[in-house]
Amino acid sequence: MDQDDFDKIKQIKKESKEAYKPWNRKDDDEMINLFFDGMPVSEMAIKLKRTKGAIRARIRKMELTQIKKKPVSSADREEK
């Protein structure tokens, strides 16, 4: 890493207070709820004080888009 890299990270941390901090269960739960409520990534980033890239990466890591796209089986429909 050179000075430019450190300056970029410093700027990101200034703009997004939680940037580069580990995710905890509370953060994950809040992001999951916002995701399934349909909140755009840009709004989630503001609300969670993270970068849009961090939100997208976490969504991918947790495979939330796969869960959201999962088709509802006929058995599930009959139970409702």
PDB file of N, CA and C in Angstrom:
ATOM      1  N   MET A   1       0.839  -1.181   0.000  1.00  0.00           N
ATOM      2  CA  MET A   1       0.000   0.000   0.000  1.00  0.00           C
ATOM      3  C   MET A   1       0.878   1.236   0.000  1.00  0.00           C
ATOM      4  N   ASP A   2       0.456   2.184  -0.785  1.00  0.00           N
ATOM      5  CA  ASP A   2       1.196   3.441  -0.779  1.00  0.00           C
ATOM      6  C   ASP A   2       0.346   4.529  -0.118  1.00  0.00           C
ATOM      7  N   GLN A   3       0.843   5.734  -0.114  1.00  0.00           N
ATOM      8  CA  GLN A   3       0.161   6.844   0.566  1.00  0.00           C
ATOM      9  C   GLN A   3      -1.205   7.124  -0.061  1.00  0.00           C
ATOM     10  N   ASP A   4      -1.315   6.980  -1.379  1.00  0.00           N
ATOM     11  CA  ASP A   4      -2.606   7.195  -2.042  1.00  0.00           C
ATOM     12  C   ASP A   4      -3.667   6.229  -1.516  1.00  0.00           C
ATOM     13  N   ASP A   5      -3.275   4.964  -1.316  1.00  0.00           N
ATOM     14  CA  ASP A   5      -4.206   3.972  -0.776  1.00  0.00           C
ATOM     15  C   ASP A   5      -4.677   4.363   0.623  1.00  0.00           C
ATOM     16  N   PHE A   6      -3.734   4.787   1.462  1.00  0.00           N
ATOM     17  CA  PHE A   6      -4.089   5.204   2.816  1.00  0.00           C
ATOM     18  C   PHE A   6      -4.996   6.430   2.790  1.00  0.00           C
ATOM     19  N   ASP A   7      -4.731   7.349   1.887  1.00  0.00           N
ATOM     20  CA  ASP A   7      -5.563   8.550   1.772  1.00  0.00           C
ATOM     21  C   ASP A   7      -6.982   8.203   1.324  1.00  0.00           C
ATOM     22  N   LYS A   8      -7.105   7.239   0.393  1.00  0.00           N
ATOM     23  CA  LYS A   8      -8.428   6.806  -0.068  1.00  0.00           C
ATOM     24  C   LYS A   8      -9.212   6.163   1.072  1.00  0.00           C
ATOM     25  N   ILE A   9      -8.546   5.293   1.825  1.00  0.00           N
ATOM     26  CA  ILE A   9      -9.209   4.633   2.956  1.00  0.00           C
ATOM     27  C   ILE A   9      -9.625   5.660   3.998  1.00  0.00           C
ATOM     28  N   LYS A  10      -8.770   6.599   4.271  1.00  0.00           N
ATOM     29  CA  LYS A  10      -9.073   7.652   5.241  1.00  0.00           C
ATOM     30  C   LYS A  10     -10.307   8.445   4.801  1.00  0.00           C
ATOM     31  N   GLN A  11     -10.397   8.760   3.516  1.00  0.00           N
ATOM     32  CA  GLN A  11     -11.543   9.498   2.989  1.00  0.00           C
ATOM     33  C   GLN A  11     -12.820   8.667   3.086  1.00  0.00           C
ATOM     34  N   ILE A  12     -12.728   7.390   2.749  1.00  0.00           N
ATOM     35  CA  ILE A  12     -13.898   6.508   2.842  1.00  0.00           C
ATOM     36  C   ILE A  12     -14.379   6.421   4.282  1.00  0.00           C
ATOM     37  N   LYS A  13     -13.453   6.268   5.228  1.00  0.00           N
ATOM     38  CA  LYS A  13     -13.825   6.194   6.644  1.00  0.00           C
ATOM     39  C   LYS A  13     -14.458   7.495   7.114  1.00  0.00           C
ATOM     40  N   LYS A  14     -14.023   8.598   6.567  1.00  0.00           N
ATOM     41  CA  LYS A  14     -14.586   9.896   6.929  1.00  0.00           C
ATOM     42  C   LYS A  14     -16.036  10.003   6.448  1.00  0.00           C
ATOM     43  N   GLU A  15     -16.297   9.491   5.251  1.00  0.00           N
ATOM     44  CA  GLU A  15     -17.630   9.565   4.657  1.00  0.00           C
ATOM     45  C   GLU A  15     -18.576   8.497   5.197  1.00  0.00           C
ATOM     46  N   SER A  16     -18.057   7.328   5.530  1.00  0.00           N
ATOM     47  CA  SER A  16     -18.863   6.204   6.020  1.00  0.00           C
ATOM     48  C   SER A  16     -18.251   5.731   7.330  1.00  0.00           C
ATOM     49  N   LYS A  17     -18.838   6.154   8.424  1.00  0.00           N
ATOM     50  CA  LYS A  17     -18.255   5.934   9.755  1.00  0.00           C
ATOM     51  C   LYS A  17     -17.984   4.468  10.084  1.00  0.00           C
ATOM     52  N   GLU A  18     -18.784   3.557   9.555  1.00  0.00           N
ATOM     53  CA  GLU A  18     -18.612   2.139   9.872  1.00  0.00           C
ATOM     54  C   GLU A  18     -17.749   1.401   8.847  1.00  0.00           C
ATOM     55  N   ALA A  19     -17.247   2.123   7.853  1.00  0.00           N
ATOM     56  CA  ALA A  19     -16.443   1.483   6.806  1.00  0.00           C
ATOM     57  C   ALA A  19     -15.243   0.762   7.405  1.00  0.00           C
ATOM     58  N   TYR A  20     -15.006  -0.427   6.912  1.00  0.00           N
ATOM     59  CA  TYR A  20     -13.879  -1.296   7.304  1.00  0.00           C
ATOM     60  C   TYR A  20     -14.020  -1.882   8.715  1.00  0.00           C
ATOM     61  N   LYS A  21     -15.132  -1.669   9.357  1.00  0.00           N
ATOM     62  CA  LYS A  21     -15.355  -2.305  10.660  1.00  0.00           C
ATOM     63  C   LYS A  21     -16.025  -3.651  10.409  1.00  0.00           C
ATOM     64  N   PRO A  22     -15.760  -4.621  11.262  1.00  0.00           N
ATOM     65  CA  PRO A  22     -16.395  -5.935  11.081  1.00  0.00           C
ATOM     66  C   PRO A  22     -17.918  -5.837  11.219  1.00  0.00           C
ATOM     67  N   TRP A  23     -18.600  -6.683  10.484  1.00  0.00           N
ATOM     68  CA  TRP A  23     -20.057  -6.760  10.595  1.00  0.00           C
ATOM     69  C   TRP A  23     -20.395  -7.574  11.830  1.00  0.00           C
ATOM     70  N   ASN A  24     -21.440  -7.177  12.532  1.00  0.00           N
ATOM     71  CA  ASN A  24     -21.915  -7.971  13.657  1.00  0.00           C
ATOM     72  C   ASN A  24     -23.351  -8.426  13.361  1.00  0.00           C
ATOM     73  N   ARG A  25     -23.893  -9.212  14.235  1.00  0.00           N
ATOM     74  CA  ARG A  25     -25.226  -9.798  14.012  1.00  0.00           C
ATOM     75  C   ARG A  25     -26.298  -8.721  13.859  1.00  0.00           C
ATOM     76  N   LYS A  26     -26.211  -7.674  14.669  1.00  0.00           N
ATOM     77  CA  LYS A  26     -27.188  -6.580  14.604  1.00  0.00           C
ATOM     78  C   LYS A  26     -27.135  -5.901  13.233  1.00  0.00           C
ATOM     79  N   ASP A  27     -25.926  -5.626  12.742  1.00  0.00           N
ATOM     80  CA  ASP A  27     -25.754  -5.019  11.421  1.00  0.00           C
ATOM     81  C   ASP A  27     -26.333  -5.920  10.337  1.00  0.00           C
ATOM     82  N   ASP A  28     -26.003  -7.206  10.417  1.00  0.00           N
ATOM     83  CA  ASP A  28     -26.510  -8.164   9.435  1.00  0.00           C
ATOM     84  C   ASP A  28     -28.034  -8.210   9.443  1.00  0.00           C
ATOM     85  N   ASP A  29     -28.618  -8.298  10.626  1.00  0.00           N
ATOM     86  CA  ASP A  29     -30.082  -8.373  10.732  1.00  0.00           C
ATOM     87  C   ASP A  29     -30.744  -7.135  10.142  1.00  0.00           C
ATOM     88  N   GLU A  30     -30.184  -5.976  10.441  1.00  0.00           N
ATOM     89  CA  GLU A  30     -30.763  -4.740   9.914  1.00  0.00           C
ATOM     90  C   GLU A  30     -30.646  -4.693   8.389  1.00  0.00           C
ATOM     91  N   MET A  31     -29.485  -5.075   7.870  1.00  0.00           N
ATOM     92  CA  MET A  31     -29.302  -5.066   6.429  1.00  0.00           C
ATOM     93  C   MET A  31     -30.242  -6.060   5.742  1.00  0.00           C
ATOM     94  N   ILE A  32     -30.391  -7.238   6.323  1.00  0.00           N
ATOM     95  CA  ILE A  32     -31.297  -8.247   5.760  1.00  0.00           C
ATOM     96  C   ILE A  32     -32.721  -7.710   5.697  1.00  0.00           C
ATOM     97  N   ASN A  33     -33.172  -7.100   6.780  1.00  0.00           N
ATOM     98  CA  ASN A  33     -34.529  -6.541   6.798  1.00  0.00           C
ATOM     99  C   ASN A  33     -34.695  -5.449   5.749  1.00  0.00           C
ATOM    100  N   LEU A  34     -33.727  -4.569   5.639  1.00  0.00           N
ATOM    101  CA  LEU A  34     -33.791  -3.497   4.641  1.00  0.00           C
ATOM    102  C   LEU A  34     -33.789  -4.071   3.229  1.00  0.00           C
ATOM    103  N   PHE A  35     -32.965  -5.083   3.006  1.00  0.00           N
ATOM    104  CA  PHE A  35     -32.881  -5.721   1.701  1.00  0.00           C
ATOM    105  C   PHE A  35     -34.233  -6.316   1.302  1.00  0.00           C
ATOM    106  N   PHE A  36     -34.840  -7.087   2.192  1.00  0.00           N
ATOM    107  CA  PHE A  36     -36.111  -7.731   1.857  1.00  0.00           C
ATOM    108  C   PHE A  36     -37.285  -6.759   1.869  1.00  0.00           C
ATOM    109  N   ASP A  37     -37.090  -5.574   2.473  1.00  0.00           N
ATOM    110  CA  ASP A  37     -38.099  -4.522   2.370  1.00  0.00           C
ATOM    111  C   ASP A  37     -37.978  -3.777   1.044  1.00  0.00           C
ATOM    112  N   GLY A  38     -36.920  -4.084   0.285  1.00  0.00           N
ATOM    113  CA  GLY A  38     -36.744  -3.488  -1.029  1.00  0.00           C
ATOM    114  C   GLY A  38     -35.989  -2.169  -1.045  1.00  0.00           C
ATOM    115  N   MET A  39     -35.313  -1.836   0.041  1.00  0.00           N
ATOM    116  CA  MET A  39     -34.567  -0.583   0.089  1.00  0.00           C
ATOM    117  C   MET A  39     -33.377  -0.646  -0.867  1.00  0.00           C
ATOM    118  N   PRO A  40     -33.164   0.405  -1.658  1.00  0.00           N
ATOM    119  CA  PRO A  40     -32.010   0.435  -2.565  1.00  0.00           C
ATOM    120  C   PRO A  40     -30.683   0.414  -1.799  1.00  0.00           C
ATOM    121  N   VAL A  41     -29.663  -0.127  -2.433  1.00  0.00           N
ATOM    122  CA  VAL A  41     -28.339  -0.228  -1.822  1.00  0.00           C
ATOM    123  C   VAL A  41     -27.838   1.141  -1.374  1.00  0.00           C
ATOM    124  N   SER A  42     -28.064   2.163  -2.185  1.00  0.00           N
ATOM    125  CA  SER A  42     -27.574   3.500  -1.831  1.00  0.00           C
ATOM    126  C   SER A  42     -28.190   3.991  -0.524  1.00  0.00           C
ATOM    127  N   GLU A  43     -29.458   3.700  -0.292  1.00  0.00           N
ATOM    128  CA  GLU A  43     -30.113   4.105   0.955  1.00  0.00           C
ATOM    129  C   GLU A  43     -29.650   3.242   2.133  1.00  0.00           C
ATOM    130  N   MET A  44     -29.449   1.950   1.872  1.00  0.00           N
ATOM    131  CA  MET A  44     -28.926   1.077   2.927  1.00  0.00           C
ATOM    132  C   MET A  44     -27.559   1.567   3.379  1.00  0.00           C
ATOM    133  N   ALA A  45     -26.736   1.968   2.421  1.00  0.00           N
ATOM    134  CA  ALA A  45     -25.386   2.444   2.738  1.00  0.00           C
ATOM    135  C   ALA A  45     -25.441   3.655   3.659  1.00  0.00           C
ATOM    136  N   ILE A  46     -26.344   4.569   3.382  1.00  0.00           N
ATOM    137  CA  ILE A  46     -26.488   5.759   4.225  1.00  0.00           C
ATOM    138  C   ILE A  46     -26.974   5.364   5.610  1.00  0.00           C
ATOM    139  N   LYS A  47     -28.004   4.550   5.653  1.00  0.00           N
ATOM    140  CA  LYS A  47     -28.599   4.153   6.936  1.00  0.00           C
ATOM    141  C   LYS A  47     -27.612   3.371   7.811  1.00  0.00           C
ATOM    142  N   LEU A  48     -26.841   2.482   7.195  1.00  0.00           N
ATOM    143  CA  LEU A  48     -25.915   1.637   7.943  1.00  0.00           C
ATOM    144  C   LEU A  48     -24.519   2.250   8.074  1.00  0.00           C
ATOM    145  N   LYS A  49     -24.327   3.426   7.464  1.00  0.00           N
ATOM    146  CA  LYS A  49     -23.030   4.129   7.507  1.00  0.00           C
ATOM    147  C   LYS A  49     -21.905   3.265   6.940  1.00  0.00           C
ATOM    148  N   ARG A  50     -22.227   2.583   5.844  1.00  0.00           N
ATOM    149  CA  ARG A  50     -21.278   1.737   5.125  1.00  0.00           C
ATOM    150  C   ARG A  50     -21.200   2.228   3.689  1.00  0.00           C
ATOM    151  N   THR A  51     -20.238   1.726   2.950  1.00  0.00           N
ATOM    152  CA  THR A  51     -20.167   2.078   1.538  1.00  0.00           C
ATOM    153  C   THR A  51     -21.133   1.190   0.742  1.00  0.00           C
ATOM    154  N   LYS A  52     -21.499   1.671  -0.446  1.00  0.00           N
ATOM    155  CA  LYS A  52     -22.359   0.858  -1.311  1.00  0.00           C
ATOM    156  C   LYS A  52     -21.661  -0.459  -1.657  1.00  0.00           C
ATOM    157  N   GLY A  53     -20.355  -0.398  -1.859  1.00  0.00           N
ATOM    158  CA  GLY A  53     -19.593  -1.609  -2.155  1.00  0.00           C
ATOM    159  C   GLY A  53     -19.652  -2.613  -1.014  1.00  0.00           C
ATOM    160  N   ALA A  54     -19.599  -2.108   0.220  1.00  0.00           N
ATOM    161  CA  ALA A  54     -19.666  -2.995   1.390  1.00  0.00           C
ATOM    162  C   ALA A  54     -21.038  -3.663   1.477  1.00  0.00           C
ATOM    163  N   ILE A  55     -22.075  -2.900   1.190  1.00  0.00           N
ATOM    164  CA  ILE A  55     -23.430  -3.464   1.226  1.00  0.00           C
ATOM    165  C   ILE A  55     -23.573  -4.532   0.142  1.00  0.00           C
ATOM    166  N   ARG A  56     -23.137  -4.214  -1.075  1.00  0.00           N
ATOM    167  CA  ARG A  56     -23.236  -5.192  -2.163  1.00  0.00           C
ATOM    168  C   ARG A  56     -22.440  -6.460  -1.847  1.00  0.00           C
ATOM    169  N   ALA A  57     -21.242  -6.288  -1.304  1.00  0.00           N
ATOM    170  CA  ALA A  57     -20.404  -7.446  -0.969  1.00  0.00           C
ATOM    171  C   ALA A  57     -21.072  -8.310   0.091  1.00  0.00           C
ATOM    172  N   ARG A  58     -21.679  -7.670   1.077  1.00  0.00           N
ATOM    173  CA  ARG A  58     -22.336  -8.431   2.151  1.00  0.00           C
ATOM    174  C   ARG A  58     -23.563  -9.169   1.612  1.00  0.00           C
ATOM    175  N   ILE A  59     -24.309  -8.525   0.733  1.00  0.00           N
ATOM    176  CA  ILE A  59     -25.474  -9.171   0.112  1.00  0.00           C
ATOM    177  C   ILE A  59     -25.025 -10.416  -0.665  1.00  0.00           C
ATOM    178  N   ARG A  60     -23.918 -10.284  -1.415  1.00  0.00           N
ATOM    179  CA  ARG A  60     -23.391 -11.434  -2.154  1.00  0.00           C
ATOM    180  C   ARG A  60     -22.922 -12.526  -1.202  1.00  0.00           C
ATOM    181  N   LYS A  61     -22.179 -12.134  -0.165  1.00  0.00           N
ATOM    182  CA  LYS A  61     -21.638 -13.118   0.773  1.00  0.00           C
ATOM    183  C   LYS A  61     -22.757 -13.900   1.451  1.00  0.00           C
ATOM    184  N   MET A  62     -23.842 -13.210   1.784  1.00  0.00           N
ATOM    185  CA  MET A  62     -24.955 -13.865   2.464  1.00  0.00           C
ATOM    186  C   MET A  62     -25.930 -14.511   1.478  1.00  0.00           C
ATOM    187  N   GLU A  63     -25.637 -14.371   0.191  1.00  0.00           N
ATOM    188  CA  GLU A  63     -26.449 -14.953  -0.885  1.00  0.00           C
ATOM    189  C   GLU A  63     -27.913 -14.529  -0.803  1.00  0.00           C
ATOM    190  N   LEU A  64     -28.136 -13.277  -0.441  1.00  0.00           N
ATOM    191  CA  LEU A  64     -29.507 -12.796  -0.283  1.00  0.00           C
ATOM    192  C   LEU A  64     -30.252 -12.713  -1.605  1.00  0.00           C
ATOM    193  N   THR A  65     -29.545 -12.394  -2.682  1.00  0.00           N
ATOM    194  CA  THR A  65     -30.244 -12.329  -3.968  1.00  0.00           C
ATOM    195  C   THR A  65     -30.725 -13.707  -4.392  1.00  0.00           C
ATOM    196  N   GLN A  66     -29.996 -14.759  -4.028  1.00  0.00           N
ATOM    197  CA  GLN A  66     -30.416 -16.125  -4.355  1.00  0.00           C
ATOM    198  C   GLN A  66     -31.674 -16.486  -3.566  1.00  0.00           C
ATOM    199  N   ILE A  67     -31.710 -16.070  -2.315  1.00  0.00           N
ATOM    200  CA  ILE A  67     -32.882 -16.361  -1.480  1.00  0.00           C
ATOM    201  C   ILE A  67     -34.096 -15.618  -2.007  1.00  0.00           C
ATOM    202  N   LYS A  68     -33.894 -14.358  -2.382  1.00  0.00           N
ATOM    203  CA  LYS A  68     -34.999 -13.533  -2.870  1.00  0.00           C
ATOM    204  C   LYS A  68     -35.573 -14.073  -4.170  1.00  0.00           C
ATOM    205  N   LYS A  69     -34.722 -14.649  -5.020  1.00  0.00           N
ATOM    206  CA  LYS A  69     -35.158 -15.162  -6.313  1.00  0.00           C
ATOM    207  C   LYS A  69     -35.720 -16.578  -6.240  1.00  0.00           C
ATOM    208  N   LYS A  70     -35.572 -17.226  -5.088  1.00  0.00           N
ATOM    209  CA  LYS A  70     -35.997 -18.618  -4.944  1.00  0.00           C
ATOM    210  C   LYS A  70     -37.498 -18.731  -5.237  1.00  0.00           C
ATOM    211  N   PRO A  71     -37.871 -19.592  -6.175  1.00  0.00           N
ATOM    212  CA  PRO A  71     -39.291 -19.728  -6.512  1.00  0.00           C
ATOM    213  C   PRO A  71     -40.082 -20.373  -5.372  1.00  0.00           C
ATOM    214  N   VAL A  72     -41.314 -19.970  -5.252  1.00  0.00           N
ATOM    215  CA  VAL A  72     -42.190 -20.545  -4.233  1.00  0.00           C
ATOM    216  C   VAL A  72     -42.783 -21.828  -4.803  1.00  0.00           C
ATOM    217  N   SER A  73     -42.633 -22.919  -4.062  1.00  0.00           N
ATOM    218  CA  SER A  73     -43.148 -24.202  -4.535  1.00  0.00           C
ATOM    219  C   SER A  73     -44.662 -24.255  -4.338  1.00  0.00           C
ATOM    220  N   SER A  74     -45.303 -25.162  -5.032  1.00  0.00           N
ATOM    221  CA  SER A  74     -46.755 -25.307  -4.909  1.00  0.00           C
ATOM    222  C   SER A  74     -47.129 -25.744  -3.502  1.00  0.00           C
ATOM    223  N   ALA A  75     -46.288 -26.519  -2.844  1.00  0.00           N
ATOM    224  CA  ALA A  75     -46.558 -26.942  -1.461  1.00  0.00           C
ATOM    225  C   ALA A  75     -46.580 -25.733  -0.530  1.00  0.00           C
ATOM    226  N   ASP A  76     -45.667 -24.778  -0.751  1.00  0.00           N
ATOM    227  CA  ASP A  76     -45.644 -23.575   0.063  1.00  0.00           C
ATOM    228  C   ASP A  76     -46.902 -22.745  -0.142  1.00  0.00           C
ATOM    229  N   ARG A  77     -47.387 -22.678  -1.387  1.00  0.00           N
ATOM    230  CA  ARG A  77     -48.591 -21.903  -1.687  1.00  0.00           C
ATOM    231  C   ARG A  77     -49.820 -22.516  -1.005  1.00  0.00           C
ATOM    232  N   GLU A  78     -49.876 -23.850  -0.959  1.00  0.00           N
ATOM    233  CA  GLU A  78     -51.029 -24.538  -0.380  1.00  0.00           C
ATOM    234  C   GLU A  78     -51.116 -24.344   1.129  1.00  0.00           C
ATOM    235  N   GLU A  79     -49.949 -24.147   1.785  1.00  0.00           N
ATOM    236  CA  GLU A  79     -49.945 -23.980   3.247  1.00  0.00           C
ATOM    237  C   GLU A  79     -50.541 -22.645   3.656  1.00  0.00           C
ATOM    238  N   LYS A  80     -50.502 -21.664   2.762  1.00  0.00           N
ATOM    239  CA  LYS A  80     -50.961 -20.315   3.102  1.00  0.00           C
ATOM    240  C   LYS A  80     -52.420 -20.187   3.005  1.00  0.00           C
TER     241      LYS A  80
END
